[in-house]
Amino acid sequence: MKQRWQVNGINLALIICTFAVGGSLCGFAGRKLLELTGLHRGFLWVLSYIIVITLLWPFCVLLISVPFGQFSFFIKYLAKIWRLMSGNKSKPVSVAIFASGAGSNAEKIIERAVGSATNNFRIDLIVCNKPGAGVLLIAEKNNIDTLIIEKEQFFRGDSYIPALQERGIEFIVLAGFLWKIPVSLIRAYPNKIINIHPALLPKYGGKGMYGDKVHETIIAAGEKESGITIHYVDELYDHGNIILQVSCEVSKNDTPDTLAKKIHLLEHSHYPKVVEELLQMQNSR
């Protein structure tokens, strides 16, 4: 259950308590309401009781979720139930995440896909150019298919477009992927490839500007702020149309490591949300 709901052990215990206490409150309130009707115990009473507690249950669990600190979880949970009951079964957009490293951004996006109330996208594939990368362990933990790519086929062959299409991939998210995307792949997925850059473009972008190199350059230049840029991918490095920029202060005491931590917080907070919102719009067309 922890993996399915993407929660830790403490939150799982609180969620179970909310279900239990909310259900008890629902049953108690339902009986009290039926006492006001004067109905005698029998088939009609049982039928009325089922209807009443069905209507009361969402309100009871939401009420109890507040003191247990689980209101956000239950809002999403009830939204999923409503979506299923209302017959809104639009097919989630199939997404591939391209990553080269540890995969912290990929992990946050996967968590968002699993926990999303809208259920408008799912991560079906992790594409990686480094066989030992940490992102592959994240994929394994979440039972997500992986594709290890090699440079010759990616840049001079078919760019793995058939492999992506065979898996039904509709959208590509770059999350720390260090190779430039071939033109053929961009044309196969027009306006359907996005990237996140650890600086405020157009400054400090381009070939070789990734990871600590970006932070070192920003600090050496005496910049007072840095941030993240989420953008569509085109034929040039770090150049496509900007979707979102969020800034943070660069203090005089910052090192590349401390600045990287600030940037990671922004990435983890905003990138999954932007992915969800973009794919929600795509799924509603």
Foldseek 3Di string as FASTA:
>chain_A
DCLLQVHDPLVVVLLVVLLVQLLVVLLVVLVVVLVVVVDDDDDVSVVSSVVSSVVRSLVSSCVSCVVSVCNVQSVLVVLQVVCVVVVVCQPAAEEEEEAEALCPLVLLLQSCCSSPSVNRHHYAEYEYQDPPHNVVVSCVVNVHHYHHDHDCCCAPNQVCVVVCVVSVHQAYEYDHHQDAHYQNVCVVHPQRYKYKAFWDPPPQWFPPRHQLNSLQVCLVVVDQKTWMWMAHHHNGTPDHHTDDTDMDTDDNPDDSVNSVVVHVVRSSVPVSVVVVVVSVVVSVD
